[in-house]
Amino acid sequence: MASDPDPFVFADWPPALSDEQRAELTRLATTYALAHGLLYLPLPDPAAPPAPAPAAAPQSAIHAPLALLPAPFPRALFAGARRLQRVYNVLYARVALDAPFLDAVMGALADVDDFTAQLWRSWRRLRDDAGIPEPLHLGLFRSDYLLHDVPGAPLALKQVEFNTISSSFGALAERVSGLHNYLLAATDYYGCSPHLARANLPPNRTTATLAAGLAAAHRAYGVTGAHILFVVQPGERNVFDQRWLEYELLEKHAIRVVRQTFAELRTSAALAPDRTLTVPAPGLPAPVEIAVVYYRAGYTPADYDGAADYAVRERLSRARAVNCPTLALQLAGGKKVQEVLARPGVLERFLLPAGIGGGSGDEGFGPETFTPADVAAVRASWVDMWALDAPGGAARAQEDAAALVLKPQREGGGNNRERAAWIAMALIAPPAGTGGYLVRAGGEEARRAEVVSELGVFGWALGIQVDGEGEEGEEGGAWLVRTKGRESDEGGVAVGFSVLDSVLLVD
């Protein structure tokens, strides 16, 4: 492992580039992106006539927003986040298996959050139906972190959130990693920094990792030739991120994919008496059997056009097909669950064996066990958080208002009406003065800006509960980086406020 000649200083990043060097790196980066599928569909032209059909072939594409230089992350913290992903994968698989826990935490929000209520009530109806066995849970997860830099304490990584549904941008992030390796090989970044070395650019195999989870669920379903259904948003601009997964499934696992929206599935999705799910596939004379339902839509109320689409989600959940995620696993990703897990003794119950530090290893959580050191590492990744409806919670939030952020229990929480649906979280303080060169989607110039970079670590877990048995199979280690200017309060890459980035390991 190569070591850098001098300790890294975040405020000194990025290194200086001349206008000519920046222009050449931008030219090389954008052409690489266009040649290697690092793409978005462009925004529709409001003056153009509507497309003839939902499946109309795209006429053009633009490169995704990207960073010219990778984002610095301490080597030890990056390695720690990758190790921690295994613990998180198992933790959330176990949470999804604990119906009483989720009922107590998320069911209690049904009166104050409309979206949570729809999902939880659908899940409850499935459990009340004696003909629907406990489903096989597949989670493709992403744990998001920011660097936390406060005086008098070592630099740390703190978790922003844990995503259990539609964890996107993994395939494109892998291609940004390839882009930065290409720029280093092609230009040596003009010798602008000794930190920009091959040994400091870690490999990224996100596409293969996520496809492996989907393929594992397909094998568990056990029908050769069955398809995977991608449930997608209409007019999806981030279609290439999804297509790379589709190509990996076909080329490496011989699994075919069919894509449909909730609106299409209202009439196309059919359940046989034995709960076999079939949908039509373009160009084929008969519907195809579905082994796995993979949701790239359904994570926000905007994805459901009224009761008909919630009914589609429940119909898909009744199928024998493996849902990614199940309703339970999606509910497990709520902010409220994260807050409750942070309370004394709760995390220990899910992770530690019976008789050790509050563990209860006899609750059907499977053979995987962890240590108090694992629990401490998870807790160290969290900032202080509490519920507004806790005793004194609102008053404490008012007192500490300048040092915290209020989070809805789910992302995009516009329908939350009461304190119970809000979480107070201490602010994360990324290193000040760190910069980057950012190129917007379809843009031609790299703009230097002070930035914040968020690391996301991917993993998957395939879990089943039969007569008390727990999850089986989990993987981790793939990652992405999203970088945004400090002046932006928005985190969504697809709306143009952020760019896709990769990791530069520093010491």
Protein backbone atom coordinates (compact mmCIF):
# COMPACT_ATOMS: atom_id res chain seq x y z
CA MET A 1 0.00 0.00 0.00
CA ALA A 2 1.46 3.32 -1.06
CA SER A 3 1.71 6.10 1.51
CA ASP A 4 1.33 9.76 0.69
CA PRO A 5 4.41 11.95 1.12
CA ASP A 6 2.68 14.44 3.41
CA PRO A 7 -0.36 14.31 5.68
CA PHE A 8 -3.49 15.26 3.80
CA VAL A 9 -5.07 18.68 4.44
CA PHE A 10 -8.69 18.91 3.32
CA ALA A 11 -8.63 22.70 3.01
CA ASP A 12 -5.84 22.39 0.40
CA TRP A 13 -8.01 20.31 -1.95
CA PRO A 14 -8.36 20.43 -4.92
CA PRO A 15 -4.87 21.04 -6.31
CA ALA A 16 -4.44 23.93 -8.71
CA LEU A 17 -5.02 23.35 -12.43
CA SER A 18 -4.48 25.84 -15.22
CA ASP A 19 -7.44 26.85 -17.35
CA GLU A 20 -6.00 24.82 -20.21
CA GLN A 21 -5.54 21.71 -18.04
CA ARG A 22 -9.05 22.02 -16.63
CA ALA A 23 -10.53 22.39 -20.11
CA GLU A 24 -8.65 19.33 -21.37
CA LEU A 25 -9.69 17.21 -18.38
CA THR A 26 -13.29 18.28 -18.95
CA ARG A 27 -13.11 17.31 -22.62
CA LEU A 28 -11.60 13.92 -21.79
CA ALA A 29 -14.08 13.31 -18.94
CA THR A 30 -17.22 14.16 -20.89
CA THR A 31 -16.24 12.15 -23.94
CA TYR A 32 -15.32 9.18 -21.71
CA ALA A 33 -18.70 9.48 -20.00
CA LEU A 34 -20.55 9.51 -23.32
CA ALA A 35 -18.54 6.54 -24.59
CA HIS A 36 -18.95 4.44 -21.42
CA GLY A 37 -22.62 4.82 -20.58
CA LEU A 38 -22.24 7.40 -17.80
CA LEU A 39 -25.45 8.95 -19.03
CA TYR A 40 -28.82 10.54 -18.30
CA LEU A 41 -31.75 11.16 -20.55
CA PRO A 42 -32.11 14.92 -21.13
CA LEU A 43 -34.94 16.95 -19.69
CA PRO A 44 -37.94 16.86 -22.01
CA ASP A 45 -38.48 19.85 -24.24
CA PRO A 46 -41.73 21.48 -23.05
CA ALA A 47 -42.36 22.76 -26.60
CA ALA A 48 -41.98 19.31 -28.17
CA PRO A 49 -45.01 17.10 -28.85
CA PRO A 50 -45.55 14.26 -26.37
CA ALA A 51 -43.77 10.98 -26.98
CA PRO A 52 -45.88 8.50 -28.98
CA ALA A 53 -45.69 5.76 -26.34
CA PRO A 54 -44.11 5.09 -22.92
CA ALA A 55 -41.65 2.69 -24.53
CA ALA A 56 -40.59 5.09 -27.30
CA ALA A 57 -36.88 4.82 -28.03
CA PRO A 58 -34.81 7.73 -26.65
CA GLN A 59 -33.46 10.09 -29.29
CA SER A 60 -30.54 11.54 -27.30
CA ALA A 61 -28.60 11.33 -24.05
CA ILE A 62 -26.34 13.61 -22.01
CA HIS A 63 -23.48 12.77 -19.69
CA ALA A 64 -24.30 12.58 -15.99
CA PRO A 65 -23.06 15.31 -13.63
CA LEU A 66 -19.52 14.45 -12.59
CA ALA A 67 -16.46 15.58 -10.67
CA LEU A 68 -13.13 15.97 -12.48
CA LEU A 69 -11.09 14.83 -9.45
CA PRO A 70 -12.03 12.15 -6.91
CA ALA A 71 -13.14 13.15 -3.41
CA PRO A 72 -10.71 12.58 -0.52
CA PHE A 73 -11.67 10.13 2.23
CA PRO A 74 -9.33 8.85 4.96
CA ARG A 75 -8.21 5.33 4.16
CA ALA A 76 -9.00 3.92 7.60
CA LEU A 77 -12.51 5.43 7.67
CA PHE A 78 -13.32 4.09 4.21
CA ALA A 79 -12.20 0.60 5.25
CA GLY A 80 -14.24 0.88 8.44
CA ALA A 81 -17.39 1.83 6.54
CA ARG A 82 -16.98 -1.19 4.27
CA ARG A 83 -16.54 -3.51 7.26
CA LEU A 84 -19.56 -1.97 8.98
CA GLN A 85 -21.81 -2.63 6.00
CA ARG A 86 -21.95 -6.34 6.82
CA VAL A 87 -23.30 -5.53 10.28
CA TYR A 88 -25.86 -3.10 8.85
CA ASN A 89 -27.00 -5.63 6.23
CA VAL A 90 -27.81 -8.19 8.91
CA LEU A 91 -29.26 -5.60 11.30
CA TYR A 92 -31.90 -4.37 8.85
CA ALA A 93 -32.68 -7.89 7.67
CA ARG A 94 -33.44 -8.74 11.30
CA VAL A 95 -35.52 -5.62 11.84
CA ALA A 96 -37.68 -6.63 8.87
CA LEU A 97 -38.29 -10.03 10.49
CA ASP A 98 -39.47 -8.50 13.77
CA ALA A 99 -43.13 -7.70 13.14
CA PRO A 100 -43.94 -6.67 16.75
CA PHE A 101 -41.04 -4.20 16.72
CA LEU A 102 -42.08 -2.65 13.40
CA ASP A 103 -45.70 -2.51 14.51
CA ALA A 104 -44.70 -0.64 17.65
CA VAL A 105 -42.41 1.79 15.83
CA MET A 106 -43.92 2.33 12.39
CA GLY A 107 -47.50 1.27 13.00
CA ALA A 108 -47.63 3.98 15.65
CA LEU A 109 -47.02 6.56 12.89
CA ALA A 110 -50.03 5.48 10.83
CA ASP A 111 -52.16 8.29 12.26
CA VAL A 112 -49.62 11.04 11.52
CA ASP A 113 -47.99 10.03 8.23
CA ASP A 114 -50.21 9.08 5.30
CA PHE A 115 -47.54 7.27 3.28
CA THR A 116 -46.36 5.14 6.19
CA ALA A 117 -49.98 4.32 6.95
CA GLN A 118 -50.60 3.01 3.42
CA LEU A 119 -47.55 0.74 3.51
CA TRP A 120 -48.08 -0.50 7.05
CA ARG A 121 -51.78 -1.28 6.53
CA SER A 122 -50.99 -3.23 3.36
CA TRP A 123 -48.37 -5.19 5.26
CA ARG A 124 -50.83 -5.88 8.09
CA ARG A 125 -53.43 -7.18 5.63
CA LEU A 126 -50.86 -9.59 4.20
CA ARG A 127 -50.08 -10.90 7.67
CA ASP A 128 -53.77 -11.25 8.50
CA ASP A 129 -54.29 -13.41 5.40
CA ALA A 130 -53.54 -16.98 6.51
CA GLY A 131 -52.79 -17.99 2.91
CA ILE A 132 -49.79 -15.66 2.61
CA PRO A 133 -46.65 -17.14 4.20
CA GLU A 134 -43.81 -15.02 5.55
CA PRO A 135 -42.03 -13.71 2.45
CA LEU A 136 -38.42 -13.97 1.47
CA HIS A 137 -36.84 -10.55 2.02
CA LEU A 138 -34.28 -9.16 -0.43
CA GLY A 139 -32.66 -5.87 0.44
CA LEU A 140 -30.28 -3.97 -1.79
CA PHE A 141 -29.02 -1.47 0.76
CA ARG A 142 -26.98 1.71 0.81
CA SER A 143 -25.62 3.33 3.96
CA ASP A 144 -24.76 7.02 3.46
CA TYR A 145 -22.08 8.87 5.44
CA LEU A 146 -20.49 12.29 5.78
CA LEU A 147 -17.11 13.11 7.28
CA HIS A 148 -17.49 14.75 10.69
CA ASP A 149 -14.77 17.20 11.73
CA VAL A 150 -15.08 18.89 15.12
CA PRO A 151 -12.33 20.52 17.19
CA GLY A 152 -10.67 18.26 19.72
CA ALA A 153 -11.92 15.00 18.19
CA PRO A 154 -10.51 12.74 15.48
CA LEU A 155 -12.09 12.89 12.04
CA ALA A 156 -15.00 10.45 11.85
CA LEU A 157 -17.66 9.12 9.46
CA LYS A 158 -21.25 9.70 10.56
CA GLN A 159 -24.27 8.03 9.01
CA VAL A 160 -26.79 10.27 7.26
CA GLU A 161 -29.32 7.53 6.53
CA PHE A 162 -29.75 3.87 5.65
CA ASN A 163 -31.63 3.20 2.40
CA THR A 164 -33.66 0.03 2.02
CA ILE A 165 -35.46 0.81 -1.27
CA SER A 166 -34.32 2.01 -4.70
CA SER A 167 -30.69 2.52 -3.70
CA SER A 168 -29.70 4.13 -6.96
CA PHE A 169 -26.63 5.42 -8.84
CA GLY A 170 -24.46 2.42 -8.02
CA ALA A 171 -23.82 1.42 -11.64
CA LEU A 172 -23.08 5.00 -12.70
CA ALA A 173 -20.84 5.51 -9.68
CA GLU A 174 -18.76 2.52 -10.78
CA ARG A 175 -18.28 4.24 -14.13
CA VAL A 176 -17.15 7.45 -12.45
CA SER A 177 -14.51 5.40 -10.68
CA GLY A 178 -13.43 4.12 -14.09
CA LEU A 179 -13.42 7.69 -15.39
CA HIS A 180 -11.04 8.90 -12.69
CA ASN A 181 -8.74 5.94 -13.29
CA TYR A 182 -8.77 6.81 -16.99
CA LEU A 183 -7.94 10.48 -16.39
CA LEU A 184 -5.05 9.47 -14.15
CA ALA A 185 -3.71 7.05 -16.76
CA ALA A 186 -4.18 9.49 -19.65
CA THR A 187 -2.84 12.66 -18.04
CA ASP A 188 -1.35 11.81 -14.63
CA TYR A 189 -3.57 14.76 -13.69
CA TYR A 190 -0.61 16.84 -14.89
CA GLY A 191 1.32 15.97 -11.73
CA CYS A 192 -0.84 18.36 -9.74
CA SER A 193 -0.88 16.20 -6.58
CA PRO A 194 1.13 13.23 -5.26
CA HIS A 195 -2.09 11.96 -3.67
CA LEU A 196 -3.47 11.21 -7.15
CA ALA A 197 -1.90 7.75 -7.47
CA ARG A 198 -3.30 4.42 -8.62
CA ALA A 199 -2.93 2.89 -5.15
CA ASN A 200 -5.26 5.57 -3.76
CA LEU A 201 -8.15 4.82 -6.16
CA PRO A 202 -9.98 1.78 -4.71
CA PRO A 203 -11.79 -0.67 -6.99
CA ASN A 204 -15.55 -0.34 -7.35
CA ARG A 205 -17.66 -3.38 -8.27
CA THR A 206 -21.11 -2.06 -7.44
CA THR A 207 -22.85 -3.35 -10.57
CA ALA A 208 -21.73 -6.93 -9.96
CA THR A 209 -22.56 -6.71 -6.24
CA LEU A 210 -26.14 -5.50 -6.76
CA ALA A 211 -26.76 -7.94 -9.59
CA ALA A 212 -25.46 -10.77 -7.39
CA GLY A 213 -28.13 -9.99 -4.80
CA LEU A 214 -30.89 -10.03 -7.41
CA ALA A 215 -29.51 -13.25 -8.90
CA ALA A 216 -29.42 -14.89 -5.45
CA ALA A 217 -33.11 -14.10 -5.01
CA HIS A 218 -33.82 -15.48 -8.49
CA ARG A 219 -32.08 -18.75 -7.56
CA ALA A 220 -34.05 -18.94 -4.33
CA TYR A 221 -37.29 -18.62 -6.32
CA GLY A 222 -36.16 -21.68 -8.23
CA VAL A 223 -37.69 -21.31 -11.70
CA THR A 224 -35.19 -21.21 -14.55
CA GLY A 225 -36.34 -18.78 -17.21
CA ALA A 226 -38.44 -16.62 -14.89
CA HIS A 227 -37.86 -12.88 -15.30
CA ILE A 228 -37.05 -10.07 -12.89
CA LEU A 229 -39.56 -7.22 -12.90
CA PHE A 230 -38.14 -3.70 -12.55
CA VAL A 231 -40.89 -1.39 -11.26
CA VAL A 232 -39.87 2.01 -12.62
CA GLN A 233 -41.03 5.60 -12.68
CA PRO A 234 -42.59 6.99 -15.86
CA GLY A 235 -40.21 9.23 -17.78
CA GLU A 236 -37.21 7.98 -15.77
CA ARG A 237 -34.10 10.01 -16.71
CA ASN A 238 -31.73 7.78 -14.74
CA VAL A 239 -32.56 4.81 -16.94
CA PHE A 240 -28.94 3.96 -17.80
CA ASP A 241 -28.08 3.28 -14.14
CA GLN A 242 -30.87 0.69 -14.24
CA ARG A 243 -29.95 -0.68 -17.66
CA TRP A 244 -26.40 -1.52 -16.52
CA LEU A 245 -27.92 -3.79 -13.85
CA GLU A 246 -30.15 -5.34 -16.50
CA TYR A 247 -27.16 -6.04 -18.77
CA GLU A 248 -25.17 -7.55 -15.89
CA LEU A 249 -28.05 -9.87 -15.00
CA LEU A 250 -28.36 -11.05 -18.60
CA GLU A 251 -24.67 -11.40 -19.40
CA LYS A 252 -23.41 -12.89 -16.11
CA HIS A 253 -26.48 -14.70 -14.80
CA ALA A 254 -28.65 -15.37 -17.91
CA ILE A 255 -31.60 -13.62 -16.26
CA ARG A 256 -33.97 -11.47 -18.30
CA VAL A 257 -35.63 -8.27 -17.11
CA VAL A 258 -38.99 -6.67 -17.92
CA ARG A 259 -39.70 -3.05 -16.95
CA GLN A 260 -43.11 -1.62 -16.07
CA THR A 261 -44.59 1.34 -14.19
CA PHE A 262 -47.27 1.14 -11.53
CA ALA A 263 -49.76 2.51 -14.07
CA GLU A 264 -48.95 -0.30 -16.50
CA LEU A 265 -49.05 -2.92 -13.75
CA ARG A 266 -52.60 -1.95 -12.79
CA THR A 267 -53.82 -3.98 -15.76
CA SER A 268 -50.83 -6.16 -16.63
CA ALA A 269 -49.89 -7.84 -13.34
CA ALA A 270 -51.78 -11.12 -12.85
CA LEU A 271 -51.72 -13.43 -9.85
CA ALA A 272 -52.59 -17.13 -10.28
CA PRO A 273 -54.28 -19.05 -7.44
CA ASP A 274 -50.86 -20.40 -6.41
CA ARG A 275 -49.61 -16.75 -6.21
CA THR A 276 -47.47 -16.99 -9.34
CA LEU A 277 -47.02 -13.49 -10.75
CA THR A 278 -47.02 -12.94 -14.52
CA VAL A 279 -46.75 -9.81 -16.64
CA PRO A 280 -46.59 -9.25 -20.39
CA ALA A 281 -43.17 -8.76 -21.95
CA PRO A 282 -42.77 -6.68 -25.11
CA GLY A 283 -42.79 -8.80 -28.26
CA LEU A 284 -43.59 -12.10 -26.53
CA PRO A 285 -46.88 -13.91 -27.22
CA ALA A 286 -47.58 -14.89 -23.60
CA PRO A 287 -46.96 -13.28 -20.20
CA VAL A 288 -43.75 -14.19 -18.41
CA GLU A 289 -43.38 -15.52 -14.87
CA ILE A 290 -41.74 -13.13 -12.39
CA ALA A 291 -39.20 -14.41 -9.86
CA VAL A 292 -38.14 -11.07 -8.33
CA VAL A 293 -39.88 -7.69 -8.10
CA TYR A 294 -37.24 -4.95 -7.89
CA TYR A 295 -38.60 -1.52 -6.97
CA ARG A 296 -36.90 1.49 -8.53
CA ALA A 297 -40.12 3.34 -7.78
CA GLY A 298 -42.41 3.33 -4.77
CA TYR A 299 -40.16 5.06 -2.25
CA THR A 300 -42.10 8.34 -2.23
CA PRO A 301 -45.83 9.18 -2.18
CA ALA A 302 -45.38 10.89 -5.56
CA ASP A 303 -44.86 7.43 -7.11
CA TYR A 304 -48.41 6.33 -6.20
CA ASP A 305 -51.25 7.85 -8.18
CA GLY A 306 -53.93 7.17 -5.62
CA ALA A 307 -55.45 3.98 -4.27
CA ALA A 308 -55.02 2.04 -7.53
CA ASP A 309 -51.23 2.13 -7.29
CA TYR A 310 -51.17 1.19 -3.62
CA ALA A 311 -53.39 -1.74 -4.59
CA VAL A 312 -50.82 -2.73 -7.24
CA ARG A 313 -48.07 -2.67 -4.61
CA GLU A 314 -50.11 -4.93 -2.35
CA ARG A 315 -50.89 -7.28 -5.26
CA LEU A 316 -47.18 -7.62 -6.04
CA SER A 317 -46.48 -8.22 -2.35
CA ARG A 318 -48.94 -11.12 -2.31
CA ALA A 319 -47.02 -12.92 -5.05
CA ARG A 320 -44.58 -15.80 -4.57
CA ALA A 321 -41.99 -13.61 -6.28
CA VAL A 322 -39.28 -12.20 -4.02
CA ASN A 323 -39.92 -8.49 -3.41
CA CYS A 324 -36.95 -6.12 -3.19
CA PRO A 325 -37.81 -4.69 -0.79
CA THR A 326 -40.77 -6.23 0.96
CA LEU A 327 -43.18 -3.84 2.65
CA ALA A 328 -41.60 -4.74 5.99
CA LEU A 329 -38.10 -4.00 4.76
CA GLN A 330 -39.18 -0.66 3.29
CA LEU A 331 -40.77 0.27 6.62
CA ALA A 332 -37.55 -0.76 8.37
CA GLY A 333 -35.76 2.01 6.47
CA GLY A 334 -37.78 4.76 8.13
CA LYS A 335 -35.93 7.45 10.09
CA LYS A 336 -38.01 6.54 13.13
CA VAL A 337 -36.50 3.06 13.13
CA GLN A 338 -33.00 4.56 13.10
CA GLU A 339 -33.90 6.76 16.07
CA VAL A 340 -35.35 3.85 18.04
CA LEU A 341 -32.34 1.63 17.29
CA ALA A 342 -30.14 4.36 18.77
CA ARG A 343 -31.92 4.12 22.13
CA PRO A 344 -30.13 2.23 24.93
CA GLY A 345 -30.36 -1.54 24.59
CA VAL A 346 -32.32 -1.71 21.33
CA LEU A 347 -29.41 -2.26 18.94
CA GLU A 348 -27.91 -4.80 21.32
CA ARG A 349 -31.10 -6.86 21.24
CA PHE A 350 -30.84 -7.29 17.46
CA LEU A 351 -27.11 -7.96 17.21
CA LEU A 352 -25.74 -9.60 20.35
CA PRO A 353 -26.22 -13.22 21.42
CA ALA A 354 -28.33 -14.00 24.46
CA GLY A 355 -26.69 -13.13 27.75
CA ILE A 356 -24.18 -10.66 26.29
CA GLY A 357 -24.79 -6.95 26.74
CA GLY A 358 -28.57 -7.13 26.43
CA GLY A 359 -28.59 -9.47 23.44
CA SER A 360 -31.50 -11.82 22.88
CA GLY A 361 -30.07 -14.35 20.44
CA ASP A 362 -33.05 -16.66 20.89
CA GLU A 363 -35.60 -14.63 18.86
CA GLY A 364 -35.26 -16.30 15.49
CA PHE A 365 -32.66 -13.91 14.15
CA GLY A 366 -30.42 -16.60 12.64
CA PRO A 367 -26.96 -17.94 13.39
CA GLU A 368 -24.95 -14.78 12.63
CA THR A 369 -23.62 -13.22 15.83
CA PHE A 370 -21.74 -10.04 16.56
CA THR A 371 -19.67 -8.67 19.39
CA PRO A 372 -19.93 -5.65 21.68
CA ALA A 373 -17.20 -4.11 19.54
CA ASP A 374 -19.46 -4.40 16.47
CA VAL A 375 -22.29 -2.72 18.37
CA ALA A 376 -19.95 0.05 19.50
CA ALA A 377 -18.84 0.62 15.89
CA VAL A 378 -22.45 0.99 14.74
CA ARG A 379 -23.24 3.39 17.57
CA ALA A 380 -20.10 5.40 16.79
CA SER A 381 -21.38 5.90 13.25
CA TRP A 382 -24.50 7.71 14.51
CA VAL A 383 -24.92 11.30 15.59
CA ASP A 384 -27.06 12.15 18.57
CA MET A 385 -30.76 11.87 17.66
CA TRP A 386 -34.09 11.88 19.45
CA ALA A 387 -37.81 12.00 18.74
CA LEU A 388 -39.61 15.33 19.02
CA ASP A 389 -42.47 13.60 20.83
CA ALA A 390 -40.12 12.14 23.47
CA PRO A 391 -40.37 13.72 26.95
CA GLY A 392 -38.63 17.08 26.63
CA GLY A 393 -37.77 16.36 22.98
CA ALA A 394 -39.29 19.51 21.50
CA ALA A 395 -37.83 21.76 24.18
CA ARG A 396 -34.39 20.24 23.71
CA ALA A 397 -34.67 20.79 19.95
CA GLN A 398 -35.52 24.44 20.50
CA GLU A 399 -32.54 24.91 22.79
CA ASP A 400 -30.12 23.24 20.35
CA ALA A 401 -31.75 24.50 17.14
CA ALA A 402 -28.55 25.92 15.64
CA ALA A 403 -26.74 22.59 16.02
CA LEU A 404 -29.31 20.15 14.67
CA VAL A 405 -31.52 19.32 11.72
CA LEU A 406 -35.12 18.12 11.83
CA LYS A 407 -35.70 15.04 9.70
CA PRO A 408 -39.03 13.55 8.64
CA GLN A 409 -39.24 9.85 9.42
CA ARG A 410 -39.02 9.26 5.67
CA GLU A 411 -37.37 11.20 2.87
CA GLY A 412 -39.69 13.63 1.09
CA GLY A 413 -41.88 13.76 4.19
CA GLY A 414 -44.27 16.48 3.13
CA ASN A 415 -47.31 14.74 4.64
CA ASN A 416 -45.98 14.48 8.19
CA ARG A 417 -48.37 16.37 10.43
CA GLU A 418 -47.30 15.83 14.03
CA ARG A 419 -44.22 15.71 16.22
CA ALA A 420 -44.21 11.90 16.30
CA ALA A 421 -43.16 11.86 12.65
CA TRP A 422 -40.07 14.06 13.11
CA ILE A 423 -36.59 13.25 14.37
CA ALA A 424 -34.03 15.75 15.70
CA MET A 425 -30.49 14.90 14.61
CA ALA A 426 -27.25 16.65 15.49
CA LEU A 427 -25.67 18.36 12.52
CA ILE A 428 -22.74 16.64 10.84
CA ALA A 429 -19.80 19.00 10.30
CA PRO A 430 -17.83 18.09 7.14
CA PRO A 431 -14.28 19.44 6.84
CA ALA A 432 -14.35 23.12 5.92
CA GLY A 433 -12.64 24.51 2.86
CA THR A 434 -12.61 21.33 0.75
CA GLY A 435 -13.15 22.08 -2.93
CA GLY A 436 -13.77 20.29 -6.19
CA TYR A 437 -14.23 20.80 -9.92
CA LEU A 438 -17.84 20.05 -10.83
CA VAL A 439 -19.33 19.47 -14.29
CA ARG A 440 -23.13 19.60 -14.49
CA ALA A 441 -25.14 17.11 -16.53
CA GLY A 442 -24.62 17.98 -20.16
CA GLY A 443 -22.46 20.94 -19.15
CA GLU A 444 -19.28 22.05 -20.86
CA GLU A 445 -17.30 23.81 -18.13
CA ALA A 446 -15.91 22.57 -14.84
CA ARG A 447 -16.76 24.90 -11.99
CA ARG A 448 -14.58 25.13 -8.90
CA ALA A 449 -16.65 25.15 -5.71
CA GLU A 450 -16.37 24.44 -2.02
CA VAL A 451 -18.00 21.05 -1.64
CA VAL A 452 -19.34 18.36 0.66
CA SER A 453 -18.93 14.72 -0.39
CA GLU A 454 -21.22 11.92 0.79
CA LEU A 455 -20.03 8.32 0.75
CA GLY A 456 -22.59 5.57 0.15
CA VAL A 457 -21.68 1.93 0.80
CA PHE A 458 -23.82 -0.76 -0.86
CA GLY A 459 -24.63 -4.25 0.32
CA TRP A 460 -27.39 -6.82 0.11
CA ALA A 461 -29.12 -9.32 2.33
CA LEU A 462 -31.45 -12.17 1.38
CA GLY A 463 -33.51 -13.15 4.38
CA ILE A 464 -36.21 -15.71 5.10
CA GLN A 465 -38.06 -16.67 8.24
CA VAL A 466 -39.29 -20.27 8.42
CA ASP A 467 -39.98 -21.80 11.82
CA GLY A 468 -37.78 -19.22 13.51
CA GLU A 469 -34.84 -19.39 11.12
CA GLY A 470 -33.18 -16.10 10.15
CA GLU A 471 -31.53 -14.50 7.16
CA GLU A 472 -29.15 -16.33 4.87
CA GLY A 473 -26.64 -14.62 2.61
CA GLU A 474 -25.26 -11.08 2.59
CA GLU A 475 -22.66 -9.13 0.67
CA GLY A 476 -21.04 -5.68 0.91
CA GLY A 477 -18.22 -3.51 -0.28
CA ALA A 478 -19.52 -1.59 -3.30
CA TRP A 479 -19.78 2.19 -3.00
CA LEU A 480 -20.55 5.59 -4.52
CA VAL A 481 -19.73 9.23 -3.81
CA ARG A 482 -22.03 12.18 -4.40
CA THR A 483 -20.47 15.64 -4.18
CA LYS A 484 -22.38 18.90 -3.96
CA GLY A 485 -21.52 22.56 -3.54
CA ARG A 486 -21.86 23.81 0.02
CA GLU A 487 -24.31 26.44 -1.15
CA SER A 488 -26.80 23.70 -2.10
CA ASP A 489 -29.15 22.26 0.50
CA GLU A 490 -30.48 19.61 -1.87
CA GLY A 491 -29.00 16.13 -2.06
CA GLY A 492 -30.59 14.64 -5.14
CA VAL A 493 -28.16 13.93 -7.95
CA ALA A 494 -30.89 13.58 -10.56
CA VAL A 495 -32.12 17.16 -10.10
CA GLY A 496 -28.69 18.57 -10.82
CA PHE A 497 -27.56 19.92 -7.45
CA SER A 498 -24.99 17.14 -6.96
CA VAL A 499 -22.44 15.38 -9.10
CA LEU A 500 -21.27 11.78 -9.13
CA ASP A 501 -17.78 11.27 -7.79
CA SER A 502 -15.40 8.58 -6.58
CA VAL A 503 -13.03 7.97 -3.66
CA LEU A 504 -9.45 9.15 -3.24
CA LEU A 505 -7.89 7.39 -0.26
CA VAL A 506 -5.75 9.69 1.86
CA ASP A 507 -3.76 9.38 5.08
